[in-house]
Amino acid sequence: MEITLVQGDITAQRVDAVVNAANSSLLGGGGVDGAIHRRGGPEILEECRKLRASRYARGLPTGQAVATTAGRLPARWVIHTVGPVHSASEDRSELLASCYRESLRVADELGAKSVAFPAISTGIYRWPMDDAARIALEAVRQAGTSVEDVRFVLFDSAAYAVFEARLAG
């Protein structure tokens, strides 16, 4: 597996699957989630609503992953995963690692060979970037997966620098 870093917009990545840092409702939100739903179009929301009406009536659990169409994105699928909210009093790092492992498991089920990840839980869920990068890279490196190309698509230069340091170290 090749791990690369990209600074930019995850919705512009030409990959088999884009991972969405979703909220448990699967019905869109802010940050990466909102951007994916806006650019991907109503097809993504329609499939998310069907998932809510069937398998995930109470929402997608934290650390789990599920796929939908990518709609108008230049990808084949969106893999939605719900990251944990960071807590100073409770270690939730296993849930964050699970987001990456479960997303790769779903990618394998789909036959995806290239996957673009955001820095899950580092936005509104306030996970510290350095710790999030450590957990993400460890989880991806240790995952038994057939995915050949894993990209971490980082929104700004600060996030890129943190991931770059962790990837090199």
C-alpha atoms as a PDB file:
ATOM      1  CA  MET A   1       0.000   0.000   0.000  1.00  0.00           C
ATOM      2  CA  GLU A   2       1.178   3.497  -0.842  1.00  0.00           C
ATOM      3  CA  ILE A   3       0.257   6.276   1.593  1.00  0.00           C
ATOM      4  CA  THR A   4       0.351   9.811   0.218  1.00  0.00           C
ATOM      5  CA  LEU A   5      -0.586  13.233   1.533  1.00  0.00           C
ATOM      6  CA  VAL A   6      -2.463  15.868  -0.439  1.00  0.00           C
ATOM      7  CA  GLN A   7      -3.296  19.388   0.643  1.00  0.00           C
ATOM      8  CA  GLY A   8      -6.610  20.363  -0.867  1.00  0.00           C
ATOM      9  CA  ASP A   9     -10.257  19.544  -1.356  1.00  0.00           C
ATOM     10  CA  ILE A  10     -11.301  15.943  -0.729  1.00  0.00           C
ATOM     11  CA  THR A  11     -14.320  16.375  -3.023  1.00  0.00           C
ATOM     12  CA  ALA A  12     -11.962  16.847  -6.003  1.00  0.00           C
ATOM     13  CA  GLN A  13     -10.078  13.571  -5.548  1.00  0.00           C
ATOM     14  CA  ARG A  14     -10.253  11.071  -8.422  1.00  0.00           C
ATOM     15  CA  VAL A  15     -10.282   7.872  -6.389  1.00  0.00           C
ATOM     16  CA  ASP A  16     -12.485   4.816  -6.102  1.00  0.00           C
ATOM     17  CA  ALA A  17     -13.790   5.885  -2.687  1.00  0.00           C
ATOM     18  CA  VAL A  18     -13.847   9.092  -0.678  1.00  0.00           C
ATOM     19  CA  VAL A  19     -14.281   8.740   3.072  1.00  0.00           C
ATOM     20  CA  ASN A  20     -16.775  11.110   4.646  1.00  0.00           C
ATOM     21  CA  ALA A  21     -16.338  12.236   8.251  1.00  0.00           C
ATOM     22  CA  ALA A  22     -20.086  11.967   8.746  1.00  0.00           C
ATOM     23  CA  ASN A  23     -22.314  12.586  11.692  1.00  0.00           C
ATOM     24  CA  SER A  24     -24.402   9.672  12.938  1.00  0.00           C
ATOM     25  CA  SER A  25     -27.571  10.921  11.234  1.00  0.00           C
ATOM     26  CA  LEU A  26     -25.962  10.388   7.777  1.00  0.00           C
ATOM     27  CA  LEU A  27     -28.018  13.343   6.605  1.00  0.00           C
ATOM     28  CA  GLY A  28     -25.243  15.873   6.002  1.00  0.00           C
ATOM     29  CA  GLY A  29     -23.716  18.492   8.208  1.00  0.00           C
ATOM     30  CA  GLY A  30     -20.777  20.865   8.231  1.00  0.00           C
ATOM     31  CA  GLY A  31     -17.104  20.512   7.345  1.00  0.00           C
ATOM     32  CA  VAL A  32     -16.128  17.551   5.167  1.00  0.00           C
ATOM     33  CA  ASP A  33     -19.620  16.075   5.513  1.00  0.00           C
ATOM     34  CA  GLY A  34     -21.322  19.202   4.194  1.00  0.00           C
ATOM     35  CA  ALA A  35     -18.813  19.601   1.364  1.00  0.00           C
ATOM     36  CA  ILE A  36     -19.296  16.001   0.201  1.00  0.00           C
ATOM     37  CA  HIS A  37     -23.076  16.300   0.256  1.00  0.00           C
ATOM     38  CA  ARG A  38     -23.046  19.670  -1.551  1.00  0.00           C
ATOM     39  CA  ARG A  39     -20.662  18.632  -4.323  1.00  0.00           C
ATOM     40  CA  GLY A  40     -21.916  15.049  -4.566  1.00  0.00           C
ATOM     41  CA  GLY A  41     -25.520  16.115  -4.995  1.00  0.00           C
ATOM     42  CA  PRO A  42     -28.862  14.718  -3.862  1.00  0.00           C
ATOM     43  CA  GLU A  43     -28.052  11.127  -4.859  1.00  0.00           C
ATOM     44  CA  ILE A  44     -25.847  10.722  -1.771  1.00  0.00           C
ATOM     45  CA  LEU A  45     -28.509  12.071   0.581  1.00  0.00           C
ATOM     46  CA  GLU A  46     -31.135   9.831  -1.031  1.00  0.00           C
ATOM     47  CA  GLU A  47     -29.052   6.706  -0.350  1.00  0.00           C
ATOM     48  CA  CYS A  48     -28.294   7.919   3.186  1.00  0.00           C
ATOM     49  CA  ARG A  49     -32.021   8.332   3.829  1.00  0.00           C
ATOM     50  CA  LYS A  50     -32.600   4.754   2.642  1.00  0.00           C
ATOM     51  CA  LEU A  51     -29.908   3.525   5.036  1.00  0.00           C
ATOM     52  CA  ARG A  52     -31.590   5.416   7.886  1.00  0.00           C
ATOM     53  CA  ALA A  53     -34.946   3.883   6.956  1.00  0.00           C
ATOM     54  CA  SER A  54     -33.523   0.360   6.937  1.00  0.00           C
ATOM     55  CA  ARG A  55     -30.249  -0.663   8.633  1.00  0.00           C
ATOM     56  CA  TYR A  56     -29.448   2.464  10.651  1.00  0.00           C
ATOM     57  CA  ALA A  57     -32.744   3.758  12.034  1.00  0.00           C
ATOM     58  CA  ARG A  58     -30.916   5.101  15.108  1.00  0.00           C
ATOM     59  CA  GLY A  59     -27.989   6.432  13.079  1.00  0.00           C
ATOM     60  CA  LEU A  60     -24.585   5.042  12.140  1.00  0.00           C
ATOM     61  CA  PRO A  61     -22.666   4.130  15.311  1.00  0.00           C
ATOM     62  CA  THR A  62     -19.346   5.820  16.063  1.00  0.00           C
ATOM     63  CA  GLY A  63     -16.425   3.888  14.576  1.00  0.00           C
ATOM     64  CA  GLN A  64     -18.566   2.115  11.970  1.00  0.00           C
ATOM     65  CA  ALA A  65     -18.611   2.681   8.197  1.00  0.00           C
ATOM     66  CA  VAL A  66     -21.082   2.278   5.344  1.00  0.00           C
ATOM     67  CA  ALA A  67     -20.946   3.085   1.623  1.00  0.00           C
ATOM     68  CA  THR A  68     -23.199   4.976  -0.768  1.00  0.00           C
ATOM     69  CA  THR A  69     -22.898   6.249  -4.285  1.00  0.00           C
ATOM     70  CA  ALA A  70     -20.560   9.192  -4.797  1.00  0.00           C
ATOM     71  CA  GLY A  71     -23.183  11.032  -6.823  1.00  0.00           C
ATOM     72  CA  ARG A  72     -21.481  13.805  -8.779  1.00  0.00           C
ATOM     73  CA  LEU A  73     -18.081  13.432  -7.111  1.00  0.00           C
ATOM     74  CA  PRO A  74     -15.182  12.159  -9.269  1.00  0.00           C
ATOM     75  CA  ALA A  75     -15.199   8.936  -7.216  1.00  0.00           C
ATOM     76  CA  ARG A  76     -17.294   5.771  -7.392  1.00  0.00           C
ATOM     77  CA  TRP A  77     -18.351   5.606  -3.739  1.00  0.00           C
ATOM     78  CA  VAL A  78     -18.523   7.577  -0.532  1.00  0.00           C
ATOM     79  CA  ILE A  79     -17.684   5.627   2.596  1.00  0.00           C
ATOM     80  CA  HIS A  80     -19.351   7.333   5.555  1.00  0.00           C
ATOM     81  CA  THR A  81     -17.791   6.897   8.990  1.00  0.00           C
ATOM     82  CA  VAL A  82     -18.617   8.559  12.292  1.00  0.00           C
ATOM     83  CA  GLY A  83     -15.625   9.715  14.282  1.00  0.00           C
ATOM     84  CA  PRO A  84     -15.660  10.171  18.035  1.00  0.00           C
ATOM     85  CA  VAL A  85     -15.776  13.519  19.777  1.00  0.00           C
ATOM     86  CA  HIS A  86     -12.449  14.068  21.547  1.00  0.00           C
ATOM     87  CA  SER A  87     -12.562  13.777  25.312  1.00  0.00           C
ATOM     88  CA  ALA A  88      -9.869  14.790  27.787  1.00  0.00           C
ATOM     89  CA  SER A  89     -11.350  12.443  30.411  1.00  0.00           C
ATOM     90  CA  GLU A  90     -12.006   9.302  28.315  1.00  0.00           C
ATOM     91  CA  ASP A  91      -9.691   7.533  25.841  1.00  0.00           C
ATOM     92  CA  ARG A  92     -11.663   7.198  22.620  1.00  0.00           C
ATOM     93  CA  SER A  93      -8.662   6.516  20.375  1.00  0.00           C
ATOM     94  CA  GLU A  94      -9.839   2.966  19.607  1.00  0.00           C
ATOM     95  CA  LEU A  95     -13.054   4.400  18.140  1.00  0.00           C
ATOM     96  CA  LEU A  96     -11.044   6.756  15.949  1.00  0.00           C
ATOM     97  CA  ALA A  97      -8.787   3.925  14.755  1.00  0.00           C
ATOM     98  CA  SER A  98     -11.915   1.870  14.045  1.00  0.00           C
ATOM     99  CA  CYS A  99     -13.131   4.555  11.613  1.00  0.00           C
ATOM    100  CA  TYR A 100     -10.064   3.955   9.441  1.00  0.00           C
ATOM    101  CA  ARG A 101     -10.120   0.149   9.751  1.00  0.00           C
ATOM    102  CA  GLU A 102     -13.851  -0.100   9.065  1.00  0.00           C
ATOM    103  CA  SER A 103     -13.608   2.283   6.099  1.00  0.00           C
ATOM    104  CA  LEU A 104     -10.879   0.108   4.587  1.00  0.00           C
ATOM    105  CA  ARG A 105     -12.945  -3.020   5.268  1.00  0.00           C
ATOM    106  CA  VAL A 106     -15.873  -1.478   3.377  1.00  0.00           C
ATOM    107  CA  ALA A 107     -13.484  -0.398   0.599  1.00  0.00           C
ATOM    108  CA  ASP A 108     -12.316  -4.005   0.291  1.00  0.00           C
ATOM    109  CA  GLU A 109     -15.933  -5.228   0.084  1.00  0.00           C
ATOM    110  CA  LEU A 110     -16.511  -2.746  -2.747  1.00  0.00           C
ATOM    111  CA  GLY A 111     -13.297  -3.692  -4.555  1.00  0.00           C
ATOM    112  CA  ALA A 112     -11.895  -0.174  -4.192  1.00  0.00           C
ATOM    113  CA  LYS A 113      -8.161   0.155  -4.818  1.00  0.00           C
ATOM    114  CA  SER A 114      -7.816   3.886  -4.037  1.00  0.00           C
ATOM    115  CA  VAL A 115      -9.269   5.678  -1.018  1.00  0.00           C
ATOM    116  CA  ALA A 116      -9.091   9.327   0.097  1.00  0.00           C
ATOM    117  CA  PHE A 117      -9.398  10.026   3.823  1.00  0.00           C
ATOM    118  CA  PRO A 118      -9.905  13.332   5.621  1.00  0.00           C
ATOM    119  CA  ALA A 119      -8.420  13.869   9.095  1.00  0.00           C
ATOM    120  CA  ILE A 120     -11.409  12.330  10.872  1.00  0.00           C
ATOM    121  CA  SER A 121     -12.633  14.019  14.084  1.00  0.00           C
ATOM    122  CA  THR A 122     -10.195  16.951  13.867  1.00  0.00           C
ATOM    123  CA  GLY A 123     -12.782  19.575  13.003  1.00  0.00           C
ATOM    124  CA  ILE A 124     -15.825  20.215  15.161  1.00  0.00           C
ATOM    125  CA  TYR A 125     -15.052  17.035  17.168  1.00  0.00           C
ATOM    126  CA  ARG A 126     -11.825  18.758  18.346  1.00  0.00           C
ATOM    127  CA  TRP A 127      -9.403  15.819  18.155  1.00  0.00           C
ATOM    128  CA  PRO A 128      -5.838  17.204  18.415  1.00  0.00           C
ATOM    129  CA  MET A 129      -4.238  16.989  14.958  1.00  0.00           C
ATOM    130  CA  ASP A 130      -0.977  15.345  16.051  1.00  0.00           C
ATOM    131  CA  ASP A 131      -2.753  12.558  17.938  1.00  0.00           C
ATOM    132  CA  ALA A 132      -5.292  12.129  15.129  1.00  0.00           C
ATOM    133  CA  ALA A 133      -2.451  11.770  12.590  1.00  0.00           C
ATOM    134  CA  ARG A 134      -0.695   9.181  14.763  1.00  0.00           C
ATOM    135  CA  ILE A 135      -3.863   7.121  15.171  1.00  0.00           C
ATOM    136  CA  ALA A 136      -4.845   7.408  11.492  1.00  0.00           C
ATOM    137  CA  LEU A 137      -1.456   6.383  10.140  1.00  0.00           C
ATOM    138  CA  GLU A 138      -1.083   3.485  12.593  1.00  0.00           C
ATOM    139  CA  ALA A 139      -4.561   2.171  11.822  1.00  0.00           C
ATOM    140  CA  VAL A 140      -4.057   2.347   8.065  1.00  0.00           C
ATOM    141  CA  ARG A 141      -0.588   0.784   8.187  1.00  0.00           C
ATOM    142  CA  GLN A 142      -1.822  -2.089  10.353  1.00  0.00           C
ATOM    143  CA  ALA A 143      -5.018  -2.768   8.410  1.00  0.00           C
ATOM    144  CA  GLY A 144      -5.068  -5.930   6.362  1.00  0.00           C
ATOM    145  CA  THR A 145      -6.468  -4.441   3.159  1.00  0.00           C
ATOM    146  CA  SER A 146      -6.321  -4.809  -0.607  1.00  0.00           C
ATOM    147  CA  VAL A 147      -6.449  -1.027  -1.046  1.00  0.00           C
ATOM    148  CA  GLU A 148      -3.299   0.035  -2.900  1.00  0.00           C
ATOM    149  CA  ASP A 149      -3.525   3.838  -2.743  1.00  0.00           C
ATOM    150  CA  VAL A 150      -4.437   5.595   0.517  1.00  0.00           C
ATOM    151  CA  ARG A 151      -4.488   9.380   0.410  1.00  0.00           C
ATOM    152  CA  PHE A 152      -4.884  11.653   3.350  1.00  0.00           C
ATOM    153  CA  VAL A 153      -6.430  14.824   1.952  1.00  0.00           C
ATOM    154  CA  LEU A 154      -5.712  17.649   4.357  1.00  0.00           C
ATOM    155  CA  PHE A 155      -7.511  20.940   4.174  1.00  0.00           C
ATOM    156  CA  ASP A 156      -4.706  23.308   5.161  1.00  0.00           C
ATOM    157  CA  SER A 157      -0.925  23.548   5.389  1.00  0.00           C
ATOM    158  CA  ALA A 158      -0.911  23.154   9.174  1.00  0.00           C
ATOM    159  CA  ALA A 159      -2.701  19.785   9.026  1.00  0.00           C
ATOM    160  CA  TYR A 160      -0.497  18.716   6.118  1.00  0.00           C
ATOM    161  CA  ALA A 161       2.650  19.539   8.089  1.00  0.00           C
ATOM    162  CA  VAL A 162       1.500  17.494  11.086  1.00  0.00           C
ATOM    163  CA  PHE A 163       0.646  14.458   8.933  1.00  0.00           C
ATOM    164  CA  GLU A 164       3.915  14.861   7.002  1.00  0.00           C
ATOM    165  CA  ALA A 165       5.940  14.806  10.229  1.00  0.00           C
ATOM    166  CA  ARG A 166       4.056  11.722  11.484  1.00  0.00           C
ATOM    167  CA  LEU A 167       4.394   9.930   8.127  1.00  0.00           C
ATOM    168  CA  ALA A 168       8.162  10.569   8.046  1.00  0.00           C
ATOM    169  CA  GLY A 169       8.663   9.613  11.686  1.00  0.00           C
END
